[in-house]
């Protein structure tokens, strides 16, 4: 399984909270990343297309707001499984780094 890019990880994390529309995902990703990742609409919708093709997300519903279609997306079962695997991979890597930093006295509180 290939490593997931950070924006993809954050998009799936945002959708793990429940179905959201594009702007909701953009603001949630910014919040989750403490402002470190700011997605542009074009980047997000290209990612949505790719993630749908991979079966990790699906369209949930559409609604009309101010005469415009607002499409909501949701995490699929495969998406949740993939997100969980990536979170575990990152946890293992962080644990190894923390352990090694502690060994040299640079790991912060134990």
PDB file of N, CA and C in Angstrom:
ATOM      1  N   UNK A   1       0.844  -1.173   0.000  1.00  0.00           N
ATOM      2  CA  UNK A   1       0.000   0.000   0.000  1.00  0.00           C
ATOM      3  C   UNK A   1       0.895   1.244   0.000  1.00  0.00           C
ATOM      4  N   UNK A   2       0.624   2.150  -0.904  1.00  0.00           N
ATOM      5  CA  UNK A   2       1.472   3.338  -0.999  1.00  0.00           C
ATOM      6  C   UNK A   2       1.097   4.373   0.052  1.00  0.00           C
ATOM      7  N   UNK A   3       2.082   5.176   0.385  1.00  0.00           N
ATOM      8  CA  UNK A   3       1.894   6.242   1.374  1.00  0.00           C
ATOM      9  C   UNK A   3       0.886   7.259   0.866  1.00  0.00           C
ATOM     10  N   UNK A   4       0.034   7.722   1.760  1.00  0.00           N
ATOM     11  CA  UNK A   4      -0.983   8.708   1.427  1.00  0.00           C
ATOM     12  C   UNK A   4      -0.392  10.105   1.572  1.00  0.00           C
ATOM     13  N   UNK A   5      -0.691  10.974   0.637  1.00  0.00           N
ATOM     14  CA  UNK A   5      -0.247  12.360   0.719  1.00  0.00           C
ATOM     15  C   UNK A   5      -1.031  13.079   1.819  1.00  0.00           C
ATOM     16  N   UNK A   6      -0.411  14.073   2.431  1.00  0.00           N
ATOM     17  CA  UNK A   6      -1.033  14.772   3.555  1.00  0.00           C
ATOM     18  C   UNK A   6      -2.404  15.370   3.216  1.00  0.00           C
ATOM     19  N   UNK A   7      -2.573  16.057   2.077  1.00  0.00           N
ATOM     20  CA  UNK A   7      -3.913  16.597   1.786  1.00  0.00           C
ATOM     21  C   UNK A   7      -4.978  15.502   1.698  1.00  0.00           C
ATOM     22  N   UNK A   8      -4.633  14.365   1.109  1.00  0.00           N
ATOM     23  CA  UNK A   8      -5.580  13.253   1.013  1.00  0.00           C
ATOM     24  C   UNK A   8      -5.945  12.754   2.403  1.00  0.00           C
ATOM     25  N   UNK A   9      -4.940  12.575   3.254  1.00  0.00           N
ATOM     26  CA  UNK A   9      -5.162  12.133   4.631  1.00  0.00           C
ATOM     27  C   UNK A   9      -6.109  13.100   5.342  1.00  0.00           C
ATOM     28  N   UNK A  10      -5.891  14.387   5.165  1.00  0.00           N
ATOM     29  CA  UNK A  10      -6.712  15.387   5.844  1.00  0.00           C
ATOM     30  C   UNK A  10      -8.128  15.454   5.270  1.00  0.00           C
ATOM     31  N   UNK A  11      -8.279  15.283   3.975  1.00  0.00           N
ATOM     32  CA  UNK A  11      -9.614  15.254   3.357  1.00  0.00           C
ATOM     33  C   UNK A  11     -10.411  14.068   3.910  1.00  0.00           C
ATOM     34  N   UNK A  12      -9.784  12.900   3.941  1.00  0.00           N
ATOM     35  CA  UNK A  12     -10.475  11.722   4.465  1.00  0.00           C
ATOM     36  C   UNK A  12     -10.779  11.892   5.948  1.00  0.00           C
ATOM     37  N   UNK A  13      -9.861  12.505   6.691  1.00  0.00           N
ATOM     38  CA  UNK A  13     -10.087  12.768   8.110  1.00  0.00           C
ATOM     39  C   UNK A  13     -11.288  13.696   8.289  1.00  0.00           C
ATOM     40  N   UNK A  14     -11.376  14.727   7.473  1.00  0.00           N
ATOM     41  CA  UNK A  14     -12.512  15.643   7.543  1.00  0.00           C
ATOM     42  C   UNK A  14     -13.821  14.895   7.287  1.00  0.00           C
ATOM     43  N   UNK A  15     -13.832  14.028   6.286  1.00  0.00           N
ATOM     44  CA  UNK A  15     -15.050  13.299   5.940  1.00  0.00           C
ATOM     45  C   UNK A  15     -15.374  12.203   6.954  1.00  0.00           C
ATOM     46  N   UNK A  16     -14.416  11.811   7.773  1.00  0.00           N
ATOM     47  CA  UNK A  16     -14.675  10.815   8.817  1.00  0.00           C
ATOM     48  C   UNK A  16     -15.647  11.363   9.864  1.00  0.00           C
ATOM     49  N   UNK A  17     -15.777  12.687   9.946  1.00  0.00           N
ATOM     50  CA  UNK A  17     -16.716  13.303  10.888  1.00  0.00           C
ATOM     51  C   UNK A  17     -18.148  13.268  10.359  1.00  0.00           C
ATOM     52  N   UNK A  18     -18.315  12.950   9.080  1.00  0.00           N
ATOM     53  CA  UNK A  18     -19.638  12.908   8.466  1.00  0.00           C
ATOM     54  C   UNK A  18     -19.615  13.611   7.126  1.00  0.00           C
ATOM     55  N   UNK A  19     -20.698  13.457   6.338  1.00  0.00           N
ATOM     56  CA  UNK A  19     -20.747  14.071   5.010  1.00  0.00           C
ATOM     57  C   UNK A  19     -20.557  15.582   5.082  1.00  0.00           C
ATOM     58  N   UNK A  20     -19.805  16.099   4.109  1.00  0.00           N
ATOM     59  CA  UNK A  20     -19.561  17.535   4.022  1.00  0.00           C
ATOM     60  C   UNK A  20     -19.516  17.958   2.562  1.00  0.00           C
ATOM     61  N   UNK A  21     -19.788  19.227   2.322  1.00  0.00           N
ATOM     62  CA  UNK A  21     -19.632  19.803   0.989  1.00  0.00           C
ATOM     63  C   UNK A  21     -18.216  20.352   0.879  1.00  0.00           C
ATOM     64  N   UNK A  22     -17.827  20.759  -0.298  1.00  0.00           N
ATOM     65  CA  UNK A  22     -16.451  21.172  -0.565  1.00  0.00           C
ATOM     66  C   UNK A  22     -15.928  22.261   0.351  1.00  0.00           C
ATOM     67  N   UNK A  23     -16.703  23.328   0.526  1.00  0.00           N
ATOM     68  CA  UNK A  23     -16.221  24.417   1.378  1.00  0.00           C
ATOM     69  C   UNK A  23     -16.063  23.950   2.822  1.00  0.00           C
ATOM     70  N   UNK A  24     -16.963  23.082   3.263  1.00  0.00           N
ATOM     71  CA  UNK A  24     -16.860  22.513   4.606  1.00  0.00           C
ATOM     72  C   UNK A  24     -15.579  21.729   4.773  1.00  0.00           C
ATOM     73  N   UNK A  25     -15.217  20.946   3.759  1.00  0.00           N
ATOM     74  CA  UNK A  25     -13.976  20.173   3.811  1.00  0.00           C
ATOM     75  C   UNK A  25     -12.777  21.120   3.837  1.00  0.00           C
ATOM     76  N   UNK A  26     -12.796  22.150   2.994  1.00  0.00           N
ATOM     77  CA  UNK A  26     -11.688  23.116   2.957  1.00  0.00           C
ATOM     78  C   UNK A  26     -11.466  23.729   4.338  1.00  0.00           C
ATOM     79  N   UNK A  27     -12.546  24.174   4.986  1.00  0.00           N
ATOM     80  CA  UNK A  27     -12.394  24.814   6.299  1.00  0.00           C
ATOM     81  C   UNK A  27     -12.030  23.799   7.376  1.00  0.00           C
ATOM     82  N   UNK A  28     -12.549  22.584   7.288  1.00  0.00           N
ATOM     83  CA  UNK A  28     -12.220  21.547   8.269  1.00  0.00           C
ATOM     84  C   UNK A  28     -10.755  21.134   8.156  1.00  0.00           C
ATOM     85  N   UNK A  29     -10.254  20.975   6.943  1.00  0.00           N
ATOM     86  CA  UNK A  29      -8.847  20.629   6.742  1.00  0.00           C
ATOM     87  C   UNK A  29      -7.946  21.720   7.318  1.00  0.00           C
ATOM     88  N   UNK A  30      -8.309  22.960   7.095  1.00  0.00           N
ATOM     89  CA  UNK A  30      -7.508  24.056   7.651  1.00  0.00           C
ATOM     90  C   UNK A  30      -7.516  24.006   9.178  1.00  0.00           C
ATOM     91  N   UNK A  31      -8.668  23.703   9.749  1.00  0.00           N
ATOM     92  CA  UNK A  31      -8.792  23.618  11.209  1.00  0.00           C
ATOM     93  C   UNK A  31      -7.998  22.422  11.752  1.00  0.00           C
ATOM     94  N   UNK A  32      -8.146  21.253  11.136  1.00  0.00           N
ATOM     95  CA  UNK A  32      -7.448  20.042  11.576  1.00  0.00           C
ATOM     96  C   UNK A  32      -5.939  20.250  11.541  1.00  0.00           C
ATOM     97  N   UNK A  33      -5.459  20.941  10.513  1.00  0.00           N
ATOM     98  CA  UNK A  33      -4.013  21.124  10.327  1.00  0.00           C
ATOM     99  C   UNK A  33      -3.483  22.380  11.016  1.00  0.00           C
ATOM    100  N   UNK A  34      -4.305  23.004  11.847  1.00  0.00           N
ATOM    101  CA  UNK A  34      -3.912  24.252  12.512  1.00  0.00           C
ATOM    102  C   UNK A  34      -3.434  25.306  11.514  1.00  0.00           C
ATOM    103  N   UNK A  35      -4.099  25.364  10.366  1.00  0.00           N
ATOM    104  CA  UNK A  35      -3.784  26.365   9.357  1.00  0.00           C
ATOM    105  C   UNK A  35      -2.590  26.035   8.477  1.00  0.00           C
ATOM    106  N   UNK A  36      -1.993  24.874   8.671  1.00  0.00           N
ATOM    107  CA  UNK A  36      -0.814  24.492   7.897  1.00  0.00           C
ATOM    108  C   UNK A  36      -1.158  24.068   6.462  1.00  0.00           C
ATOM    109  N   UNK A  37      -2.359  23.521   6.269  1.00  0.00           N
ATOM    110  CA  UNK A  37      -2.776  23.066   4.939  1.00  0.00           C
ATOM    111  C   UNK A  37      -4.016  23.849   4.541  1.00  0.00           C
ATOM    112  N   UNK A  38      -3.916  24.543   3.417  1.00  0.00           N
ATOM    113  CA  UNK A  38      -5.031  25.305   2.868  1.00  0.00           C
ATOM    114  C   UNK A  38      -5.291  24.829   1.452  1.00  0.00           C
ATOM    115  N   UNK A  39      -6.388  24.147   1.290  1.00  0.00           N
ATOM    116  CA  UNK A  39      -6.737  23.597  -0.017  1.00  0.00           C
ATOM    117  C   UNK A  39      -7.436  24.643  -0.865  1.00  0.00           C
ATOM    118  N   UNK A  40      -7.124  24.649  -2.139  1.00  0.00           N
ATOM    119  CA  UNK A  40      -7.855  25.472  -3.105  1.00  0.00           C
ATOM    120  C   UNK A  40      -8.968  24.613  -3.694  1.00  0.00           C
ATOM    121  N   UNK A  41     -10.010  25.266  -4.146  1.00  0.00           N
ATOM    122  CA  UNK A  41     -11.165  24.540  -4.666  1.00  0.00           C
ATOM    123  C   UNK A  41     -10.778  23.592  -5.797  1.00  0.00           C
ATOM    124  N   UNK A  42      -9.962  24.043  -6.732  1.00  0.00           N
ATOM    125  CA  UNK A  42      -9.564  23.187  -7.853  1.00  0.00           C
ATOM    126  C   UNK A  42      -8.821  21.940  -7.396  1.00  0.00           C
ATOM    127  N   UNK A  43      -7.953  22.117  -6.424  1.00  0.00           N
ATOM    128  CA  UNK A  43      -7.199  20.984  -5.868  1.00  0.00           C
ATOM    129  C   UNK A  43      -8.149  20.014  -5.181  1.00  0.00           C
ATOM    130  N   UNK A  44      -9.086  20.561  -4.405  1.00  0.00           N
ATOM    131  CA  UNK A  44     -10.028  19.716  -3.669  1.00  0.00           C
ATOM    132  C   UNK A  44     -10.890  18.906  -4.622  1.00  0.00           C
ATOM    133  N   UNK A  45     -11.456  19.546  -5.641  1.00  0.00           N
ATOM    134  CA  UNK A  45     -12.365  18.816  -6.518  1.00  0.00           C
ATOM    135  C   UNK A  45     -11.626  17.806  -7.389  1.00  0.00           C
ATOM    136  N   UNK A  46     -10.380  18.061  -7.728  1.00  0.00           N
ATOM    137  CA  UNK A  46      -9.566  17.040  -8.415  1.00  0.00           C
ATOM    138  C   UNK A  46      -9.340  15.859  -7.472  1.00  0.00           C
ATOM    139  N   UNK A  47      -9.077  16.154  -6.196  1.00  0.00           N
ATOM    140  CA  UNK A  47      -8.896  15.088  -5.206  1.00  0.00           C
ATOM    141  C   UNK A  47     -10.201  14.312  -5.019  1.00  0.00           C
ATOM    142  N   UNK A  48     -11.339  15.012  -4.957  1.00  0.00           N
ATOM    143  CA  UNK A  48     -12.625  14.324  -4.847  1.00  0.00           C
ATOM    144  C   UNK A  48     -12.822  13.345  -6.004  1.00  0.00           C
ATOM    145  N   UNK A  49     -12.524  13.781  -7.226  1.00  0.00           N
ATOM    146  CA  UNK A  49     -12.675  12.905  -8.398  1.00  0.00           C
ATOM    147  C   UNK A  49     -11.794  11.661  -8.257  1.00  0.00           C
ATOM    148  N   UNK A  50     -10.548  11.863  -7.854  1.00  0.00           N
ATOM    149  CA  UNK A  50      -9.614  10.740  -7.701  1.00  0.00           C
ATOM    150  C   UNK A  50     -10.061   9.806  -6.578  1.00  0.00           C
ATOM    151  N   UNK A  51     -10.464  10.370  -5.451  1.00  0.00           N
ATOM    152  CA  UNK A  51     -10.882   9.556  -4.311  1.00  0.00           C
ATOM    153  C   UNK A  51     -12.167   8.791  -4.605  1.00  0.00           C
ATOM    154  N   UNK A  52     -13.059   9.384  -5.402  1.00  0.00           N
ATOM    155  CA  UNK A  52     -14.259   8.665  -5.834  1.00  0.00           C
ATOM    156  C   UNK A  52     -13.878   7.508  -6.741  1.00  0.00           C
ATOM    157  N   UNK A  53     -12.974   7.754  -7.675  1.00  0.00           N
ATOM    158  CA  UNK A  53     -12.540   6.697  -8.600  1.00  0.00           C
ATOM    159  C   UNK A  53     -11.877   5.542  -7.844  1.00  0.00           C
ATOM    160  N   UNK A  54     -11.201   5.864  -6.738  1.00  0.00           N
ATOM    161  CA  UNK A  54     -10.550   4.842  -5.917  1.00  0.00           C
ATOM    162  C   UNK A  54     -11.522   4.169  -4.951  1.00  0.00           C
ATOM    163  N   UNK A  55     -12.759   4.655  -4.875  1.00  0.00           N
ATOM    164  CA  UNK A  55     -13.767   4.069  -4.000  1.00  0.00           C
ATOM    165  C   UNK A  55     -13.619   4.463  -2.534  1.00  0.00           C
ATOM    166  N   UNK A  56     -12.855   5.534  -2.257  1.00  0.00           N
ATOM    167  CA  UNK A  56     -12.621   5.946  -0.867  1.00  0.00           C
ATOM    168  C   UNK A  56     -13.673   6.934  -0.367  1.00  0.00           C
ATOM    169  N   UNK A  57     -14.296   7.668  -1.298  1.00  0.00           N
ATOM    170  CA  UNK A  57     -15.404   8.558  -0.950  1.00  0.00           C
ATOM    171  C   UNK A  57     -16.517   8.358  -1.971  1.00  0.00           C
ATOM    172  N   UNK A  58     -17.703   8.838  -1.625  1.00  0.00           N
ATOM    173  CA  UNK A  58     -18.840   8.764  -2.537  1.00  0.00           C
ATOM    174  C   UNK A  58     -19.687  10.016  -2.355  1.00  0.00           C
ATOM    175  N   UNK A  59     -20.442  10.348  -3.385  1.00  0.00           N
ATOM    176  CA  UNK A  59     -21.394  11.443  -3.245  1.00  0.00           C
ATOM    177  C   UNK A  59     -22.468  10.998  -2.273  1.00  0.00           C
ATOM    178  N   UNK A  60     -22.852  11.899  -1.370  1.00  0.00           N
ATOM    179  CA  UNK A  60     -23.862  11.584  -0.365  1.00  0.00           C
ATOM    180  C   UNK A  60     -25.217  12.146  -0.770  1.00  0.00           C
ATOM    181  N   UNK A  61     -25.223  13.432  -1.119  1.00  0.00           N
ATOM    182  CA  UNK A  61     -26.469  14.091  -1.520  1.00  0.00           C
ATOM    183  C   UNK A  61     -26.145  15.437  -2.151  1.00  0.00           C
ATOM    184  N   UNK A  62     -27.171  16.032  -2.740  1.00  0.00           N
ATOM    185  CA  UNK A  62     -27.058  17.387  -3.281  1.00  0.00           C
ATOM    186  C   UNK A  62     -28.185  18.218  -2.711  1.00  0.00           C
ATOM    187  N   UNK A  63     -27.925  19.517  -2.570  1.00  0.00           N
ATOM    188  CA  UNK A  63     -28.972  20.452  -2.197  1.00  0.00           C
ATOM    189  C   UNK A  63     -28.752  21.742  -2.967  1.00  0.00           C
ATOM    190  N   UNK A  64     -29.804  22.493  -3.120  1.00  0.00           N
ATOM    191  CA  UNK A  64     -29.725  23.775  -3.813  1.00  0.00           C
ATOM    192  C   UNK A  64     -29.660  24.878  -2.748  1.00  0.00           C
ATOM    193  N   UNK A  65     -28.606  25.685  -2.820  1.00  0.00           N
ATOM    194  CA  UNK A  65     -28.438  26.810  -1.891  1.00  0.00           C
ATOM    195  C   UNK A  65     -28.188  28.050  -2.740  1.00  0.00           C
ATOM    196  N   UNK A  66     -29.042  29.041  -2.593  1.00  0.00           N
ATOM    197  CA  UNK A  66     -28.932  30.277  -3.373  1.00  0.00           C
ATOM    198  C   UNK A  66     -28.847  29.998  -4.868  1.00  0.00           C
ATOM    199  N   UNK A  67     -29.641  29.039  -5.328  1.00  0.00           N
ATOM    200  CA  UNK A  67     -29.692  28.709  -6.746  1.00  0.00           C
ATOM    201  C   UNK A  67     -28.520  27.892  -7.261  1.00  0.00           C
ATOM    202  N   UNK A  68     -27.616  27.476  -6.371  1.00  0.00           N
ATOM    203  CA  UNK A  68     -26.443  26.685  -6.783  1.00  0.00           C
ATOM    204  C   UNK A  68     -26.493  25.313  -6.133  1.00  0.00           C
ATOM    205  N   UNK A  69     -25.983  24.326  -6.856  1.00  0.00           N
ATOM    206  CA  UNK A  69     -25.952  22.965  -6.331  1.00  0.00           C
ATOM    207  C   UNK A  69     -24.799  22.835  -5.346  1.00  0.00           C
ATOM    208  N   UNK A  70     -25.106  22.308  -4.173  1.00  0.00           N
ATOM    209  CA  UNK A  70     -24.085  22.010  -3.171  1.00  0.00           C
ATOM    210  C   UNK A  70     -24.060  20.487  -3.029  1.00  0.00           C
ATOM    211  N   UNK A  71     -22.938  19.891  -3.394  1.00  0.00           N
ATOM    212  CA  UNK A  71     -22.792  18.438  -3.364  1.00  0.00           C
ATOM    213  C   UNK A  71     -22.037  18.037  -2.100  1.00  0.00           C
ATOM    214  N   UNK A  72     -22.576  17.048  -1.405  1.00  0.00           N
ATOM    215  CA  UNK A  72     -21.947  16.520  -0.198  1.00  0.00           C
ATOM    216  C   UNK A  72     -21.273  15.193  -0.512  1.00  0.00           C
ATOM    217  N   UNK A  73     -20.156  14.964   0.147  1.00  0.00           N
ATOM    218  CA  UNK A  73     -19.396  13.728  -0.024  1.00  0.00           C
ATOM    219  C   UNK A  73     -19.276  13.033   1.319  1.00  0.00           C
ATOM    220  N   UNK A  74     -19.142  11.708   1.282  1.00  0.00           N
ATOM    221  CA  UNK A  74     -18.984  10.926   2.504  1.00  0.00           C
ATOM    222  C   UNK A  74     -17.851   9.916   2.328  1.00  0.00           C
ATOM    223  N   UNK A  75     -17.310   9.506   3.432  1.00  0.00           N
ATOM    224  CA  UNK A  75     -16.279   8.479   3.465  1.00  0.00           C
ATOM    225  C   UNK A  75     -16.956   7.126   3.254  1.00  0.00           C
ATOM    226  N   UNK A  76     -16.383   6.272   2.428  1.00  0.00           N
ATOM    227  CA  UNK A  76     -16.912   4.917   2.250  1.00  0.00           C
ATOM    228  C   UNK A  76     -16.262   3.981   3.270  1.00  0.00           C
ATOM    229  N   UNK A  77     -16.736   2.762   3.321  1.00  0.00           N
ATOM    230  CA  UNK A  77     -16.110   1.757   4.190  1.00  0.00           C
ATOM    231  C   UNK A  77     -14.656   1.540   3.813  1.00  0.00           C
ATOM    232  N   UNK A  78     -14.383   1.456   2.509  1.00  0.00           N
ATOM    233  CA  UNK A  78     -12.989   1.304   2.057  1.00  0.00           C
ATOM    234  C   UNK A  78     -12.167   2.530   2.429  1.00  0.00           C
ATOM    235  N   UNK A  79     -12.780   3.718   2.367  1.00  0.00           N
ATOM    236  CA  UNK A  79     -12.080   4.935   2.742  1.00  0.00           C
ATOM    237  C   UNK A  79     -11.724   4.942   4.218  1.00  0.00           C
ATOM    238  N   UNK A  80     -12.656   4.497   5.052  1.00  0.00           N
ATOM    239  CA  UNK A  80     -12.395   4.424   6.493  1.00  0.00           C
ATOM    240  C   UNK A  80     -11.285   3.421   6.789  1.00  0.00           C
ATOM    241  N   UNK A  81     -11.293   2.290   6.108  1.00  0.00           N
ATOM    242  CA  UNK A  81     -10.248   1.276   6.295  1.00  0.00           C
ATOM    243  C   UNK A  81      -8.892   1.832   5.887  1.00  0.00           C
ATOM    244  N   UNK A  82      -8.851   2.510   4.762  1.00  0.00           N
ATOM    245  CA  UNK A  82      -7.588   3.085   4.264  1.00  0.00           C
ATOM    246  C   UNK A  82      -7.090   4.195   5.186  1.00  0.00           C
ATOM    247  N   UNK A  83      -7.993   5.036   5.666  1.00  0.00           N
ATOM    248  CA  UNK A  83      -7.620   6.100   6.593  1.00  0.00           C
ATOM    249  C   UNK A  83      -7.081   5.511   7.891  1.00  0.00           C
ATOM    250  N   UNK A  84      -7.727   4.478   8.407  1.00  0.00           N
ATOM    251  CA  UNK A  84      -7.268   3.837   9.644  1.00  0.00           C
ATOM    252  C   UNK A  84      -5.878   3.241   9.458  1.00  0.00           C
ATOM    253  N   UNK A  85      -5.635   2.611   8.317  1.00  0.00           N
ATOM    254  CA  UNK A  85      -4.312   2.025   8.041  1.00  0.00           C
ATOM    255  C   UNK A  85      -3.243   3.109   7.969  1.00  0.00           C
ATOM    256  N   UNK A  86      -3.570   4.225   7.344  1.00  0.00           N
ATOM    257  CA  UNK A  86      -2.603   5.314   7.226  1.00  0.00           C
ATOM    258  C   UNK A  86      -2.348   5.955   8.592  1.00  0.00           C
ATOM    259  N   UNK A  87      -3.390   6.117   9.388  1.00  0.00           N
ATOM    260  CA  UNK A  87      -3.217   6.675  10.736  1.00  0.00           C
ATOM    261  C   UNK A  87      -2.324   5.768  11.570  1.00  0.00           C
ATOM    262  N   UNK A  88      -2.496   4.473  11.453  1.00  0.00           N
ATOM    263  CA  UNK A  88      -1.648   3.522  12.182  1.00  0.00           C
ATOM    264  C   UNK A  88      -0.205   3.582  11.693  1.00  0.00           C
ATOM    265  N   UNK A  89      -0.004   3.685  10.399  1.00  0.00           N
ATOM    266  CA  UNK A  89       1.349   3.793   9.845  1.00  0.00           C
ATOM    267  C   UNK A  89       2.047   5.042  10.401  1.00  0.00           C
ATOM    268  N   UNK A  90       1.335   6.154  10.398  1.00  0.00           N
ATOM    269  CA  UNK A  90       1.905   7.393  10.925  1.00  0.00           C
ATOM    270  C   UNK A  90       2.165   7.302  12.428  1.00  0.00           C
ATOM    271  N   UNK A  91       1.270   6.637  13.165  1.00  0.00           N
ATOM    272  CA  UNK A  91       1.460   6.455  14.602  1.00  0.00           C
ATOM    273  C   UNK A  91       2.724   5.664  14.888  1.00  0.00           C
ATOM    274  N   UNK A  92       2.954   4.585  14.122  1.00  0.00           N
ATOM    275  CA  UNK A  92       4.161   3.765  14.304  1.00  0.00           C
ATOM    276  C   UNK A  92       5.420   4.574  14.022  1.00  0.00           C
ATOM    277  N   UNK A  93       5.388   5.351  12.960  1.00  0.00           N
ATOM    278  CA  UNK A  93       6.554   6.182  12.621  1.00  0.00           C
ATOM    279  C   UNK A  93       6.814   7.225  13.704  1.00  0.00           C
ATOM    280  N   UNK A  94       5.758   7.872  14.186  1.00  0.00           N
ATOM    281  CA  UNK A  94       5.911   8.878  15.242  1.00  0.00           C
ATOM    282  C   UNK A  94       6.427   8.233  16.527  1.00  0.00           C
ATOM    283  N   UNK A  95       5.947   7.028  16.849  1.00  0.00           N
ATOM    284  CA  UNK A  95       6.414   6.334  18.055  1.00  0.00           C
ATOM    285  C   UNK A  95       7.902   6.015  17.948  1.00  0.00           C
ATOM    286  N   UNK A  96       8.342   5.566  16.782  1.00  0.00           N
ATOM    287  CA  UNK A  96       9.769   5.263  16.586  1.00  0.00           C
ATOM    288  C   UNK A  96      10.610   6.527  16.725  1.00  0.00           C
ATOM    289  N   UNK A  97      10.154   7.623  16.143  1.00  0.00           N
ATOM    290  CA  UNK A  97      10.903   8.881  16.243  1.00  0.00           C
ATOM    291  C   UNK A  97      10.962   9.356  17.695  1.00  0.00           C
ATOM    292  N   UNK A  98       9.837   9.286  18.392  1.00  0.00           N
ATOM    293  CA  UNK A  98       9.780   9.717  19.790  1.00  0.00           C
ATOM    294  C   UNK A  98      10.713   8.883  20.656  1.00  0.00           C
ATOM    295  N   UNK A  99      10.698   7.578  20.439  1.00  0.00           N
ATOM    296  CA  UNK A  99      11.577   6.684  21.208  1.00  0.00           C
ATOM    297  C   UNK A  99      13.045   7.033  20.983  1.00  0.00           C
ATOM    298  N   UNK A 100      13.424   7.257  19.777  1.00  0.00           N
ATOM    299  CA  UNK A 100      14.822   7.584  19.474  1.00  0.00           C
ATOM    300  C   UNK A 100      15.203   8.955  20.003  1.00  0.00           C
ATOM    301  N   UNK A 101      14.298   9.908  19.938  1.00  0.00           N
ATOM    302  CA  UNK A 101      14.582  11.233  20.495  1.00  0.00           C
ATOM    303  C   UNK A 101      14.736  11.171  22.009  1.00  0.00           C
ATOM    304  N   UNK A 102      13.923  10.382  22.651  1.00  0.00           N
ATOM    305  CA  UNK A 102      14.065  10.224  24.111  1.00  0.00           C
ATOM    306  C   UNK A 102      15.424   9.613  24.468  1.00  0.00           C
ATOM    307  N   UNK A 103      15.870   8.687  23.637  1.00  0.00           N
ATOM    308  CA  UNK A 103      17.144   8.019  23.889  1.00  0.00           C
ATOM    309  C   UNK A 103      18.316   9.006  23.870  1.00  0.00           C
ATOM    310  N   UNK A 104      18.154  10.101  23.129  1.00  0.00           N
ATOM    311  CA  UNK A 104      19.237  11.096  23.105  1.00  0.00           C
ATOM    312  C   UNK A 104      18.886  12.322  23.951  1.00  0.00           C
ATOM    313  N   UNK A 105      17.804  12.198  24.724  1.00  0.00           N
ATOM    314  CA  UNK A 105      17.433  13.286  25.617  1.00  0.00           C
ATOM    315  C   UNK A 105      16.754  14.449  24.943  1.00  0.00           C
ATOM    316  N   UNK A 106      16.184  14.240  23.771  1.00  0.00           N
ATOM    317  CA  UNK A 106      15.560  15.335  23.034  1.00  0.00           C
ATOM    318  C   UNK A 106      14.074  15.122  22.808  1.00  0.00           C
ATOM    319  N   UNK A 107      13.474  14.184  23.513  1.00  0.00           N
ATOM    320  CA  UNK A 107      12.080  13.823  23.224  1.00  0.00           C
ATOM    321  C   UNK A 107      11.030  14.536  24.003  1.00  0.00           C
ATOM    322  N   UNK A 108      11.399  15.453  24.878  1.00  0.00           N
ATOM    323  CA  UNK A 108      10.395  16.147  25.658  1.00  0.00           C
ATOM    324  C   UNK A 108       9.904  15.289  26.802  1.00  0.00           C
ATOM    325  N   UNK A 109       8.693  15.552  27.314  1.00  0.00           N
ATOM    326  CA  UNK A 109       8.190  14.830  28.483  1.00  0.00           C
ATOM    327  C   UNK A 109       7.979  13.351  28.182  1.00  0.00           C
ATOM    328  N   UNK A 110       8.255  12.521  29.160  1.00  0.00           N
ATOM    329  CA  UNK A 110       8.143  11.060  28.985  1.00  0.00           C
ATOM    330  C   UNK A 110       6.737  10.566  29.123  1.00  0.00           C
TER     331      UNK A 110
END
